[in-house]
PDB file of all heavy atoms in Angstrom:
ATOM      1  N   ALA A   1      71.278  79.849 160.914  1.00  0.00           N
ATOM      2  CA  ALA A   1      71.797  80.091 162.307  1.00  0.00           C
ATOM      3  C   ALA A   1      73.401  80.345 162.243  1.00  0.00           C
ATOM      4  O   ALA A   1      74.006  80.872 163.228  1.00  0.00           O
ATOM      5  CB  ALA A   1      71.531  79.023 163.303  1.00  0.00           C
ATOM      6  N   GLY A   2      73.990  79.930 161.230  1.00  0.00           N
ATOM      7  CA  GLY A   2      75.494  80.003 161.063  1.00  0.00           C
ATOM      8  C   GLY A   2      75.910  81.142 160.103  1.00  0.00           C
ATOM      9  O   GLY A   2      75.025  81.950 159.736  1.00  0.00           O
ATOM     10  N   ALA A   3      77.144  81.182 159.798  1.00  0.00           N
ATOM     11  CA  ALA A   3      77.745  82.241 159.049  1.00  0.00           C
ATOM     12  C   ALA A   3      77.794  82.054 157.597  1.00  0.00           C
ATOM     13  O   ALA A   3      77.897  83.019 156.795  1.00  0.00           O
ATOM     14  CB  ALA A   3      79.051  82.652 159.581  1.00  0.00           C
ATOM     15  N   SER A   4      77.612  80.711 157.068  1.00  0.00           N
ATOM     16  CA  SER A   4      77.837  80.486 155.634  1.00  0.00           C
ATOM     17  C   SER A   4      76.930  81.161 154.735  1.00  0.00           C
ATOM     18  O   SER A   4      77.401  81.540 153.687  1.00  0.00           O
ATOM     19  CB  SER A   4      77.729  78.972 155.493  1.00  0.00           C
ATOM     20  OG  SER A   4      76.516  78.408 155.616  1.00  0.00           O
ATOM     21  N   VAL A   5      75.723  81.225 155.053  1.00  0.00           N
ATOM     22  CA  VAL A   5      74.722  82.037 154.209  1.00  0.00           C
ATOM     23  C   VAL A   5      75.090  83.455 154.020  1.00  0.00           C
ATOM     24  O   VAL A   5      75.081  84.018 153.005  1.00  0.00           O
ATOM     25  CB  VAL A   5      73.196  81.758 154.687  1.00  0.00           C
ATOM     26  CG1 VAL A   5      72.289  82.635 153.893  1.00  0.00           C
ATOM     27  CG2 VAL A   5      72.867  80.279 154.570  1.00  0.00           C
ATOM     28  N   THR A   6      75.269  84.012 155.104  1.00  0.00           N
ATOM     29  CA  THR A   6      75.759  85.510 155.097  1.00  0.00           C
ATOM     30  C   THR A   6      76.977  85.677 154.314  1.00  0.00           C
ATOM     31  O   THR A   6      77.223  86.652 153.488  1.00  0.00           O
ATOM     32  CB  THR A   6      75.800  86.079 156.480  1.00  0.00           C
ATOM     33  OG1 THR A   6      74.582  86.032 157.180  1.00  0.00           O
ATOM     34  CG2 THR A   6      76.252  87.547 156.359  1.00  0.00           C
ATOM     35  N   ASP A   7      78.044  84.845 154.570  1.00  0.00           N
ATOM     36  CA  ASP A   7      79.281  84.877 153.805  1.00  0.00           C
ATOM     37  C   ASP A   7      79.028  84.716 152.359  1.00  0.00           C
ATOM     38  O   ASP A   7      79.618  85.460 151.533  1.00  0.00           O
ATOM     39  CB  ASP A   7      80.124  83.666 154.276  1.00  0.00           C
ATOM     40  CG  ASP A   7      80.702  83.956 155.662  1.00  0.00           C
ATOM     41  OD1 ASP A   7      80.728  85.158 156.043  1.00  0.00           O
ATOM     42  OD2 ASP A   7      81.385  83.053 156.242  1.00  0.00           O
ATOM     43  N   ALA A   8      78.149  83.892 152.009  1.00  0.00           N
ATOM     44  CA  ALA A   8      77.931  83.581 150.492  1.00  0.00           C
ATOM     45  C   ALA A   8      77.286  84.686 149.946  1.00  0.00           C
ATOM     46  O   ALA A   8      77.576  85.195 148.777  1.00  0.00           O
ATOM     47  CB  ALA A   8      77.028  82.281 150.324  1.00  0.00           C
ATOM     48  N   TYR A   9      76.316  85.421 150.620  1.00  0.00           N
ATOM     49  CA  TYR A   9      75.540  86.522 149.989  1.00  0.00           C
ATOM     50  C   TYR A   9      76.216  87.924 150.157  1.00  0.00           C
ATOM     51  O   TYR A   9      76.139  88.764 149.328  1.00  0.00           O
ATOM     52  CB  TYR A   9      74.215  86.685 150.679  1.00  0.00           C
ATOM     53  CG  TYR A   9      73.148  85.807 150.106  1.00  0.00           C
ATOM     54  CD1 TYR A   9      72.976  84.503 150.620  1.00  0.00           C
ATOM     55  CD2 TYR A   9      72.355  86.137 149.053  1.00  0.00           C
ATOM     56  CE1 TYR A   9      72.055  83.588 150.144  1.00  0.00           C
ATOM     57  CE2 TYR A   9      71.323  85.251 148.554  1.00  0.00           C
ATOM     58  CZ  TYR A   9      71.283  84.007 149.089  1.00  0.00           C
ATOM     59  OH  TYR A   9      70.269  83.215 148.639  1.00  0.00           O
ATOM     60  N   LEU A  10      76.857  88.111 151.250  1.00  0.00           N
ATOM     61  CA  LEU A  10      77.366  89.459 151.613  1.00  0.00           C
ATOM     62  C   LEU A  10      78.883  89.554 151.793  1.00  0.00           C
ATOM     63  O   LEU A  10      79.388  90.574 152.312  1.00  0.00           O
ATOM     64  CB  LEU A  10      76.664  89.921 152.983  1.00  0.00           C
ATOM     65  CG  LEU A  10      75.155  89.941 152.939  1.00  0.00           C
ATOM     66  CD1 LEU A  10      74.529  90.361 154.187  1.00  0.00           C
ATOM     67  CD2 LEU A  10      74.677  90.870 151.817  1.00  0.00           C
ATOM     68  N   GLY A  11      79.672  88.512 151.369  1.00  0.00           N
ATOM     69  CA  GLY A  11      81.095  88.663 151.349  1.00  0.00           C
ATOM     70  C   GLY A  11      81.733  88.645 152.716  1.00  0.00           C
ATOM     71  O   GLY A  11      82.858  89.325 152.881  1.00  0.00           O
ATOM     72  N   GLY A  12      81.212  87.838 153.635  1.00  0.00           N
ATOM     73  CA  GLY A  12      81.941  87.606 154.856  1.00  0.00           C
ATOM     74  C   GLY A  12      81.416  88.328 156.058  1.00  0.00           C
ATOM     75  O   GLY A  12      81.997  88.278 157.152  1.00  0.00           O
ATOM     76  N   LEU A  13      80.263  89.086 155.951  1.00  0.00           N
ATOM     77  CA  LEU A  13      79.790  89.762 157.180  1.00  0.00           C
ATOM     78  C   LEU A  13      79.268  88.721 158.167  1.00  0.00           C
ATOM     79  O   LEU A  13      78.725  87.613 157.872  1.00  0.00           O
ATOM     80  CB  LEU A  13      78.555  90.660 156.743  1.00  0.00           C
ATOM     81  CG  LEU A  13      78.892  91.845 155.819  1.00  0.00           C
ATOM     82  CD1 LEU A  13      77.539  92.532 155.548  1.00  0.00           C
ATOM     83  CD2 LEU A  13      79.862  92.649 156.403  1.00  0.00           C
ATOM     84  N   ASP A  14      79.485  88.957 159.401  1.00  0.00           N
ATOM     85  CA  ASP A  14      79.097  87.994 160.480  1.00  0.00           C
ATOM     86  C   ASP A  14      77.658  88.019 160.669  1.00  0.00           C
ATOM     87  O   ASP A  14      76.957  89.056 160.490  1.00  0.00           O
ATOM     88  CB  ASP A  14      79.839  88.285 161.861  1.00  0.00           C
ATOM     89  CG  ASP A  14      81.277  88.166 161.691  1.00  0.00           C
ATOM     90  OD1 ASP A  14      81.760  87.264 160.891  1.00  0.00           O
ATOM     91  OD2 ASP A  14      82.012  88.745 162.414  1.00  0.00           O
ATOM     92  N   VAL A  15      77.099  86.864 161.053  1.00  0.00           N
ATOM     93  CA  VAL A  15      75.663  86.675 161.498  1.00  0.00           C
ATOM     94  C   VAL A  15      75.616  86.996 162.904  1.00  0.00           C
ATOM     95  O   VAL A  15      76.460  86.270 163.763  1.00  0.00           O
ATOM     96  CB  VAL A  15      75.227  85.363 161.087  1.00  0.00           C
ATOM     97  CG1 VAL A  15      73.818  85.185 161.622  1.00  0.00           C
ATOM     98  CG2 VAL A  15      75.217  85.038 159.685  1.00  0.00           C
ATOM     99  N   ILE A  16      74.751  87.866 163.300  1.00  0.00           N
ATOM    100  CA  ILE A  16      74.608  88.021 164.712  1.00  0.00           C
ATOM    101  C   ILE A  16      73.772  86.887 165.247  1.00  0.00           C
ATOM    102  O   ILE A  16      72.706  86.543 164.876  1.00  0.00           O
ATOM    103  CB  ILE A  16      73.715  89.330 165.024  1.00  0.00           C
ATOM    104  CG1 ILE A  16      74.524  90.532 164.513  1.00  0.00           C
ATOM    105  CG2 ILE A  16      73.358  89.603 166.524  1.00  0.00           C
ATOM    106  CD1 ILE A  16      73.710  91.877 164.524  1.00  0.00           C
ATOM    107  N   GLU A  17      74.241  86.391 166.471  1.00  0.00           N
ATOM    108  CA  GLU A  17      73.635  85.153 166.984  1.00  0.00           C
ATOM    109  C   GLU A  17      72.092  85.441 167.170  1.00  0.00           C
ATOM    110  O   GLU A  17      71.756  86.386 167.911  1.00  0.00           O
ATOM    111  CB  GLU A  17      74.345  84.747 168.372  1.00  0.00           C
ATOM    112  CG  GLU A  17      73.912  83.567 168.937  1.00  0.00           C
ATOM    113  CD  GLU A  17      74.662  83.022 170.126  1.00  0.00           C
ATOM    114  OE1 GLU A  17      75.642  83.879 170.513  1.00  0.00           O
ATOM    115  OE2 GLU A  17      74.312  82.144 170.744  1.00  0.00           O
ATOM    116  N   GLY A  18      71.395  84.380 166.792  1.00  0.00           N
ATOM    117  CA  GLY A  18      69.981  84.376 166.923  1.00  0.00           C
ATOM    118  C   GLY A  18      69.276  85.223 165.909  1.00  0.00           C
ATOM    119  O   GLY A  18      67.961  85.127 165.728  1.00  0.00           O
ATOM    120  N   ASP A  19      70.030  85.742 164.913  1.00  0.00           N
ATOM    121  CA  ASP A  19      69.232  86.489 163.818  1.00  0.00           C
ATOM    122  C   ASP A  19      69.565  85.703 162.485  1.00  0.00           C
ATOM    123  O   ASP A  19      70.483  84.925 162.382  1.00  0.00           O
ATOM    124  CB  ASP A  19      69.991  87.853 163.643  1.00  0.00           C
ATOM    125  CG  ASP A  19      69.558  88.834 164.673  1.00  0.00           C
ATOM    126  OD1 ASP A  19      68.600  88.541 165.507  1.00  0.00           O
ATOM    127  OD2 ASP A  19      70.163  89.900 164.816  1.00  0.00           O
ATOM    128  N   SER A  20      68.595  85.907 161.592  1.00  0.00           N
ATOM    129  CA  SER A  20      68.835  85.332 160.273  1.00  0.00           C
ATOM    130  C   SER A  20      69.044  86.422 159.217  1.00  0.00           C
ATOM    131  O   SER A  20      68.323  87.574 159.343  1.00  0.00           O
ATOM    132  CB  SER A  20      67.567  84.555 159.804  1.00  0.00           C
ATOM    133  OG  SER A  20      67.314  83.469 160.576  1.00  0.00           O
ATOM    134  N   PRO A  21      69.897  86.310 158.293  1.00  0.00           N
ATOM    135  CA  PRO A  21      70.360  87.315 157.326  1.00  0.00           C
ATOM    136  C   PRO A  21      68.972  87.732 156.552  1.00  0.00           C
ATOM    137  O   PRO A  21      68.356  86.828 156.099  1.00  0.00           O
ATOM    138  CB  PRO A  21      71.456  86.803 156.524  1.00  0.00           C
ATOM    139  CG  PRO A  21      71.322  85.329 156.684  1.00  0.00           C
ATOM    140  CD  PRO A  21      70.650  85.061 157.987  1.00  0.00           C
ATOM    141  N   ASP A  22      68.888  89.044 156.213  1.00  0.00           N
ATOM    142  CA  ASP A  22      67.853  89.458 155.307  1.00  0.00           C
ATOM    143  C   ASP A  22      68.447  89.653 153.867  1.00  0.00           C
ATOM    144  O   ASP A  22      69.042  90.723 153.733  1.00  0.00           O
ATOM    145  CB  ASP A  22      67.190  90.620 155.774  1.00  0.00           C
ATOM    146  CG  ASP A  22      66.044  91.192 154.839  1.00  0.00           C
ATOM    147  OD1 ASP A  22      65.761  90.404 153.836  1.00  0.00           O
ATOM    148  OD2 ASP A  22      65.579  92.192 154.969  1.00  0.00           O
ATOM    149  N   VAL A  23      68.465  88.661 153.042  1.00  0.00           N
ATOM    150  CA  VAL A  23      69.311  88.830 151.864  1.00  0.00           C
ATOM    151  C   VAL A  23      68.367  88.609 150.520  1.00  0.00           C
ATOM    152  O   VAL A  23      68.821  88.004 149.640  1.00  0.00           O
ATOM    153  CB  VAL A  23      70.492  87.813 151.747  1.00  0.00           C
ATOM    154  CG1 VAL A  23      71.399  88.232 152.875  1.00  0.00           C
ATOM    155  CG2 VAL A  23      70.022  86.287 152.043  1.00  0.00           C
ATOM    156  N   SER A  24      67.073  88.937 150.727  1.00  0.00           N
ATOM    157  CA  SER A  24      66.113  88.638 149.563  1.00  0.00           C
ATOM    158  C   SER A  24      65.986  89.956 148.834  1.00  0.00           C
ATOM    159  O   SER A  24      65.009  89.911 148.049  1.00  0.00           O
ATOM    160  CB  SER A  24      64.675  88.306 150.134  1.00  0.00           C
ATOM    161  OG  SER A  24      64.276  89.367 151.054  1.00  0.00           O
ATOM    162  N   SER A  25      66.829  90.969 148.853  1.00  0.00           N
ATOM    163  CA  SER A  25      66.573  92.191 148.217  1.00  0.00           C
ATOM    164  C   SER A  25      66.952  92.011 146.726  1.00  0.00           C
ATOM    165  O   SER A  25      66.578  93.080 145.979  1.00  0.00           O
ATOM    166  CB  SER A  25      67.518  93.271 148.787  1.00  0.00           C
ATOM    167  OG  SER A  25      68.822  92.935 148.737  1.00  0.00           O
ATOM    168  N   GLY A  26      67.564  91.005 146.170  1.00  0.00           N
ATOM    169  CA  GLY A  26      67.863  90.970 144.675  1.00  0.00           C
ATOM    170  C   GLY A  26      66.911  90.456 143.948  1.00  0.00           C
ATOM    171  O   GLY A  26      67.113  90.234 142.789  1.00  0.00           O
TER     172      GLY A  26
END
């Protein structure tokens, strides 16, 4: 729910509130 996962995977992109990042592409 926070920004740390997206920051770690995508270099600082913000997480839209209520959304989970989709970072399983690798």
